C-alpha cells in the first residue's frame, strides 16, 4: 500500500519528483503578513490596522496561488488552484472589510 502511494507522488497524487523541492515563498508570504499584523496589534497598533495587514497578506497569497504552478505552490496548495485562490481572496476580503468597518463610528456614546 505505501509503495503505491510513493509511486503516485504522494498521498494526493501530486507529481513530486525525487530531489525536487517545493516552493515555500507563497506560504511564507502569507505567514509573514499574518505575523506582521498580529505583531502590530501586540505592539499597540489599532486592531483595524493589524486586521487590514492580515487581510492584505491573504489577498497577496491569493494572487501568489494563482500565479504559481501547482507543483511549485508548496503547502499553500490544498485543493485546486481556483478553489485555493477564491478561498484566500474571500478570507482576505472579509478581514479587510471587517477591519475597515471597525473604523466607522456607529453612534455617539
N, C-alpha and C. Protein backbone atom coordinates (compact mmCIF):
# COMPACT_ATOMS: atom_id res chain seq x y z
N UNK A 1 0.81 -1.20 0.00
CA UNK A 1 0.00 0.00 0.00
C UNK A 1 0.86 1.26 0.00
N UNK A 2 1.87 1.31 0.90
CA UNK A 2 2.69 2.51 0.94
C UNK A 2 3.54 2.66 -0.32
N UNK A 3 3.93 1.57 -0.93
CA UNK A 3 4.67 1.65 -2.19
C UNK A 3 3.83 2.26 -3.29
N UNK A 4 2.52 1.95 -3.28
CA UNK A 4 1.60 2.51 -4.26
C UNK A 4 1.48 4.03 -4.08
N UNK A 5 1.48 4.48 -2.84
CA UNK A 5 1.38 5.91 -2.57
C UNK A 5 2.64 6.62 -3.06
N UNK A 6 3.81 6.01 -2.83
CA UNK A 6 5.05 6.64 -3.24
C UNK A 6 5.18 6.69 -4.76
N UNK A 7 4.64 5.69 -5.47
CA UNK A 7 4.73 5.68 -6.93
C UNK A 7 3.90 6.80 -7.55
N UNK A 8 2.78 7.15 -6.94
CA UNK A 8 1.94 8.20 -7.49
C UNK A 8 2.47 9.58 -7.18
N UNK A 9 3.40 9.70 -6.25
CA UNK A 9 3.97 11.02 -5.97
C UNK A 9 3.45 11.61 -4.68
N UNK A 10 2.91 10.84 -3.79
CA UNK A 10 2.42 11.35 -2.52
C UNK A 10 0.99 10.94 -2.27
N UNK A 11 0.48 11.32 -1.14
CA UNK A 11 -0.88 10.94 -0.77
C UNK A 11 -1.94 11.52 -1.69
N UNK A 12 -1.72 12.71 -2.18
CA UNK A 12 -2.73 13.37 -3.00
C UNK A 12 -2.48 13.21 -4.49
N UNK A 13 -1.51 12.40 -4.85
CA UNK A 13 -1.25 12.13 -6.25
C UNK A 13 -0.55 13.25 -6.99
N UNK A 14 0.05 14.19 -6.26
CA UNK A 14 0.78 15.27 -6.93
C UNK A 14 2.05 14.72 -7.54
N UNK A 15 2.48 15.33 -8.60
CA UNK A 15 3.69 14.90 -9.30
C UNK A 15 4.90 15.56 -8.66
N UNK A 16 5.41 14.96 -7.60
CA UNK A 16 6.59 15.47 -6.92
C UNK A 16 7.73 14.50 -7.18
N UNK A 17 8.71 14.95 -7.91
CA UNK A 17 9.84 14.09 -8.26
C UNK A 17 10.86 14.08 -7.13
N UNK A 18 11.60 13.01 -7.04
CA UNK A 18 12.63 12.91 -6.02
C UNK A 18 13.67 14.01 -6.24
N UNK A 19 14.02 14.69 -5.18
CA UNK A 19 15.02 15.75 -5.26
C UNK A 19 14.45 17.10 -5.65
N UNK A 20 13.18 17.17 -6.04
CA UNK A 20 12.59 18.45 -6.41
C UNK A 20 11.94 19.07 -5.18
N UNK A 21 12.36 20.24 -4.83
CA UNK A 21 11.81 20.88 -3.64
C UNK A 21 10.58 21.71 -4.01
N UNK A 22 9.71 21.84 -3.05
CA UNK A 22 8.54 22.68 -3.26
C UNK A 22 8.89 24.10 -2.86
N UNK A 23 8.18 25.04 -3.42
CA UNK A 23 8.43 26.45 -3.14
C UNK A 23 7.72 26.85 -1.86
N UNK A 24 8.44 27.45 -0.95
CA UNK A 24 7.84 27.93 0.30
C UNK A 24 7.50 29.41 0.22
N UNK A 25 7.86 30.08 -0.85
CA UNK A 25 7.66 31.53 -0.97
C UNK A 25 6.22 31.99 -0.78
N UNK A 26 5.24 31.45 -1.52
CA UNK A 26 3.86 31.91 -1.35
C UNK A 26 3.32 31.67 0.06
N UNK A 27 3.66 30.53 0.64
CA UNK A 27 3.20 30.22 2.00
C UNK A 27 3.83 31.17 3.01
N UNK A 28 5.14 31.38 2.88
CA UNK A 28 5.83 32.28 3.81
C UNK A 28 5.36 33.72 3.66
N UNK A 29 4.93 34.10 2.47
CA UNK A 29 4.36 35.43 2.27
C UNK A 29 3.12 35.62 3.14
N UNK A 30 2.25 34.63 3.14
CA UNK A 30 1.03 34.71 3.94
C UNK A 30 1.37 34.66 5.43
N UNK A 31 2.25 33.76 5.82
CA UNK A 31 2.61 33.63 7.24
C UNK A 31 3.27 34.91 7.75
N UNK A 32 4.17 35.50 6.95
CA UNK A 32 4.84 36.72 7.37
C UNK A 32 3.86 37.88 7.49
N UNK A 33 2.89 37.96 6.57
CA UNK A 33 1.90 39.03 6.65
C UNK A 33 1.00 38.90 7.86
N UNK A 34 0.59 37.68 8.16
CA UNK A 34 -0.24 37.46 9.35
C UNK A 34 0.56 37.74 10.61
N UNK A 35 1.82 37.32 10.64
CA UNK A 35 2.67 37.60 11.80
C UNK A 35 2.89 39.10 11.96
N UNK A 36 3.04 39.82 10.86
CA UNK A 36 3.21 41.27 10.93
C UNK A 36 1.95 41.94 11.48
N UNK A 37 0.78 41.49 11.03
CA UNK A 37 -0.46 42.05 11.54
C UNK A 37 -0.66 41.77 13.01
N UNK A 38 -0.41 40.54 13.43
CA UNK A 38 -0.54 40.20 14.85
C UNK A 38 0.50 40.92 15.68
N UNK A 39 1.71 41.04 15.14
CA UNK A 39 2.76 41.78 15.85
C UNK A 39 2.41 43.25 16.02
N UNK A 40 1.83 43.84 14.98
CA UNK A 40 1.42 45.25 15.07
C UNK A 40 0.36 45.43 16.15
N UNK A 41 -0.59 44.51 16.20
CA UNK A 41 -1.63 44.59 17.25
C UNK A 41 -0.99 44.41 18.62
N UNK A 42 -0.07 43.46 18.73
CA UNK A 42 0.60 43.21 20.00
C UNK A 42 1.44 44.38 20.47
N UNK A 43 1.96 45.17 19.55
CA UNK A 43 2.79 46.32 19.91
C UNK A 43 1.98 47.60 20.10
N UNK A 44 0.65 47.49 20.01
CA UNK A 44 -0.18 48.64 20.34
C UNK A 44 -0.86 49.32 19.18
N UNK A 45 -0.70 48.84 17.98
CA UNK A 45 -1.41 49.45 16.85
C UNK A 45 -2.90 49.11 16.96
N UNK A 46 -3.70 49.84 16.25
CA UNK A 46 -5.14 49.59 16.27
C UNK A 46 -5.43 48.22 15.67
N UNK A 47 -6.46 47.57 16.22
CA UNK A 47 -6.84 46.25 15.73
C UNK A 47 -7.24 46.33 14.26
N UNK A 48 -7.85 47.43 13.87
CA UNK A 48 -8.25 47.57 12.47
C UNK A 48 -7.03 47.60 11.55
N UNK A 49 -5.95 48.18 12.00
CA UNK A 49 -4.73 48.22 11.20
C UNK A 49 -4.13 46.83 11.05
N UNK A 50 -4.01 46.11 12.15
CA UNK A 50 -3.48 44.76 12.10
C UNK A 50 -4.35 43.83 11.27
N UNK A 51 -5.66 43.97 11.39
CA UNK A 51 -6.56 43.15 10.59
C UNK A 51 -6.44 43.43 9.11
N UNK A 52 -6.26 44.72 8.76
CA UNK A 52 -6.09 45.07 7.35
C UNK A 52 -4.78 44.51 6.80
N UNK A 53 -3.73 44.51 7.62
CA UNK A 53 -2.45 43.93 7.19
C UNK A 53 -2.61 42.43 6.96
N UNK A 54 -3.29 41.74 7.88
CA UNK A 54 -3.51 40.31 7.72
C UNK A 54 -4.38 40.01 6.50
N UNK A 55 -5.41 40.80 6.30
CA UNK A 55 -6.26 40.62 5.12
C UNK A 55 -5.50 40.84 3.83
N UNK A 56 -4.63 41.85 3.83
CA UNK A 56 -3.79 42.09 2.66
C UNK A 56 -2.85 40.94 2.38
N UNK A 57 -2.36 40.29 3.44
CA UNK A 57 -1.49 39.13 3.25
C UNK A 57 -2.25 37.98 2.62
N UNK A 58 -3.50 37.77 3.03
CA UNK A 58 -4.30 36.71 2.42
C UNK A 58 -4.63 37.04 0.97
N UNK A 59 -4.89 38.30 0.67
CA UNK A 59 -5.14 38.69 -0.73
C UNK A 59 -3.88 38.49 -1.58
N UNK A 60 -2.73 38.84 -1.02
CA UNK A 60 -1.47 38.62 -1.75
C UNK A 60 -1.22 37.12 -1.94
N UNK A 61 -1.57 36.32 -0.94
CA UNK A 61 -1.44 34.88 -1.07
C UNK A 61 -2.35 34.32 -2.15
N UNK A 62 -3.52 34.92 -2.29
CA UNK A 62 -4.45 34.50 -3.35
C UNK A 62 -3.85 34.76 -4.72
N UNK A 63 -3.27 35.93 -4.90
CA UNK A 63 -2.62 36.26 -6.18
C UNK A 63 -1.42 35.34 -6.42
N UNK A 64 -0.65 35.08 -5.36
CA UNK A 64 0.51 34.20 -5.49
C UNK A 64 0.08 32.78 -5.84
N UNK A 65 -1.03 32.34 -5.29
CA UNK A 65 -1.52 30.98 -5.59
C UNK A 65 -1.96 30.88 -7.05
N UNK A 66 -2.56 31.95 -7.57
CA UNK A 66 -2.94 31.94 -8.99
C UNK A 66 -1.73 31.95 -9.91
N UNK A 67 -0.69 32.64 -9.50
CA UNK A 67 0.48 32.81 -10.36
C UNK A 67 1.46 31.64 -10.29
N UNK A 68 1.34 30.80 -9.25
CA UNK A 68 2.30 29.73 -9.05
C UNK A 68 1.73 28.42 -9.57
N UNK A 69 2.51 27.65 -10.33
CA UNK A 69 2.03 26.35 -10.79
C UNK A 69 1.79 25.41 -9.60
N UNK A 70 0.92 24.42 -9.79
CA UNK A 70 0.56 23.50 -8.71
C UNK A 70 1.77 22.81 -8.09
N UNK A 71 2.71 22.38 -8.91
CA UNK A 71 3.83 21.63 -8.37
C UNK A 71 4.81 22.50 -7.60
N UNK A 72 4.73 23.83 -7.75
CA UNK A 72 5.61 24.75 -7.04
C UNK A 72 4.91 25.54 -5.95
N UNK A 73 3.63 25.28 -5.71
CA UNK A 73 2.86 26.06 -4.74
C UNK A 73 3.15 25.65 -3.30
N UNK A 74 3.78 24.52 -3.10
CA UNK A 74 4.13 24.09 -1.75
C UNK A 74 2.90 23.80 -0.91
N UNK A 75 2.99 24.14 0.36
CA UNK A 75 1.90 23.83 1.27
C UNK A 75 0.72 24.79 1.13
N UNK A 76 0.85 25.80 0.29
CA UNK A 76 -0.28 26.68 0.02
C UNK A 76 -1.31 25.99 -0.87
N UNK A 77 -0.90 24.96 -1.58
CA UNK A 77 -1.82 24.21 -2.44
C UNK A 77 -2.52 23.14 -1.62
N UNK A 78 -3.80 23.35 -1.37
CA UNK A 78 -4.58 22.38 -0.61
C UNK A 78 -5.57 21.69 -1.52
N UNK A 79 -6.26 22.47 -2.32
CA UNK A 79 -7.23 21.93 -3.27
C UNK A 79 -6.78 22.33 -4.67
N UNK A 80 -7.70 22.58 -5.55
CA UNK A 80 -7.36 23.09 -6.87
C UNK A 80 -6.91 24.54 -6.80
N UNK A 81 -6.24 24.99 -7.83
CA UNK A 81 -5.72 26.35 -7.85
C UNK A 81 -6.83 27.38 -7.69
N UNK A 82 -7.91 27.21 -8.44
CA UNK A 82 -9.01 28.18 -8.39
C UNK A 82 -9.67 28.19 -7.01
N UNK A 83 -9.90 27.02 -6.44
CA UNK A 83 -10.54 26.93 -5.12
C UNK A 83 -9.67 27.56 -4.05
N UNK A 84 -8.37 27.29 -4.07
CA UNK A 84 -7.46 27.89 -3.10
C UNK A 84 -7.45 29.41 -3.22
N UNK A 85 -7.39 29.91 -4.46
CA UNK A 85 -7.33 31.36 -4.66
C UNK A 85 -8.62 32.03 -4.22
N UNK A 86 -9.75 31.42 -4.53
CA UNK A 86 -11.04 32.01 -4.12
C UNK A 86 -11.18 32.01 -2.60
N UNK A 87 -10.76 30.91 -1.96
CA UNK A 87 -10.85 30.83 -0.50
C UNK A 87 -9.96 31.88 0.16
N UNK A 88 -8.72 32.00 -0.31
CA UNK A 88 -7.83 33.01 0.27
C UNK A 88 -8.33 34.42 0.01
N UNK A 89 -8.85 34.67 -1.19
CA UNK A 89 -9.35 36.01 -1.52
C UNK A 89 -10.58 36.35 -0.68
N UNK A 90 -11.47 35.40 -0.50
CA UNK A 90 -12.68 35.66 0.30
C UNK A 90 -12.31 35.94 1.75
N UNK A 91 -11.40 35.15 2.31
CA UNK A 91 -11.00 35.37 3.70
C UNK A 91 -10.26 36.70 3.84
N UNK A 92 -9.38 37.02 2.89
CA UNK A 92 -8.66 38.29 2.95
C UNK A 92 -9.59 39.48 2.80
N UNK A 93 -10.55 39.39 1.86
CA UNK A 93 -11.51 40.49 1.68
C UNK A 93 -12.38 40.67 2.92
N UNK A 94 -12.76 39.56 3.55
CA UNK A 94 -13.57 39.66 4.77
C UNK A 94 -12.77 40.32 5.90
N UNK A 95 -11.49 39.99 6.02
CA UNK A 95 -10.66 40.63 7.05
C UNK A 95 -10.48 42.12 6.78
N UNK A 96 -10.22 42.48 5.54
CA UNK A 96 -10.05 43.90 5.21
C UNK A 96 -11.36 44.66 5.43
N UNK A 97 -12.48 44.09 4.96
CA UNK A 97 -13.77 44.76 5.13
C UNK A 97 -14.13 44.89 6.61
N UNK A 98 -13.91 43.83 7.38
CA UNK A 98 -14.19 43.90 8.81
C UNK A 98 -13.32 44.90 9.51
N UNK A 99 -12.07 44.99 9.11
CA UNK A 99 -11.16 45.97 9.71
C UNK A 99 -11.58 47.40 9.38
N UNK A 100 -12.01 47.61 8.15
CA UNK A 100 -12.46 48.96 7.77
C UNK A 100 -13.78 49.31 8.45
N UNK A 101 -14.63 48.32 8.64
CA UNK A 101 -15.90 48.58 9.34
C UNK A 101 -15.68 48.95 10.80
N UNK A 102 -14.58 48.49 11.37
CA UNK A 102 -14.28 48.85 12.76
C UNK A 102 -13.97 50.34 12.90
N UNK A 103 -13.61 50.98 11.81
CA UNK A 103 -13.30 52.41 11.86
C UNK A 103 -14.54 53.29 11.84
N UNK A 104 -15.68 52.73 11.46
CA UNK A 104 -16.90 53.51 11.41
C UNK A 104 -17.39 53.84 12.81
N UNK A 105 -17.86 55.06 12.96
CA UNK A 105 -18.44 55.47 14.23
C UNK A 105 -19.95 55.33 14.07
N UNK A 106 -20.51 54.30 14.69
CA UNK A 106 -21.91 53.99 14.51
C UNK A 106 -22.84 54.82 15.38
N UNK A 107 -22.36 55.27 16.52
CA UNK A 107 -23.20 56.09 17.41
C UNK A 107 -22.30 56.94 18.28
N UNK A 108 -22.89 57.96 18.86
CA UNK A 108 -22.14 58.86 19.76
C UNK A 108 -22.40 58.44 21.19
N UNK A 109 -21.44 57.78 21.78
CA UNK A 109 -21.59 57.43 23.20
C UNK A 109 -20.28 57.48 23.91
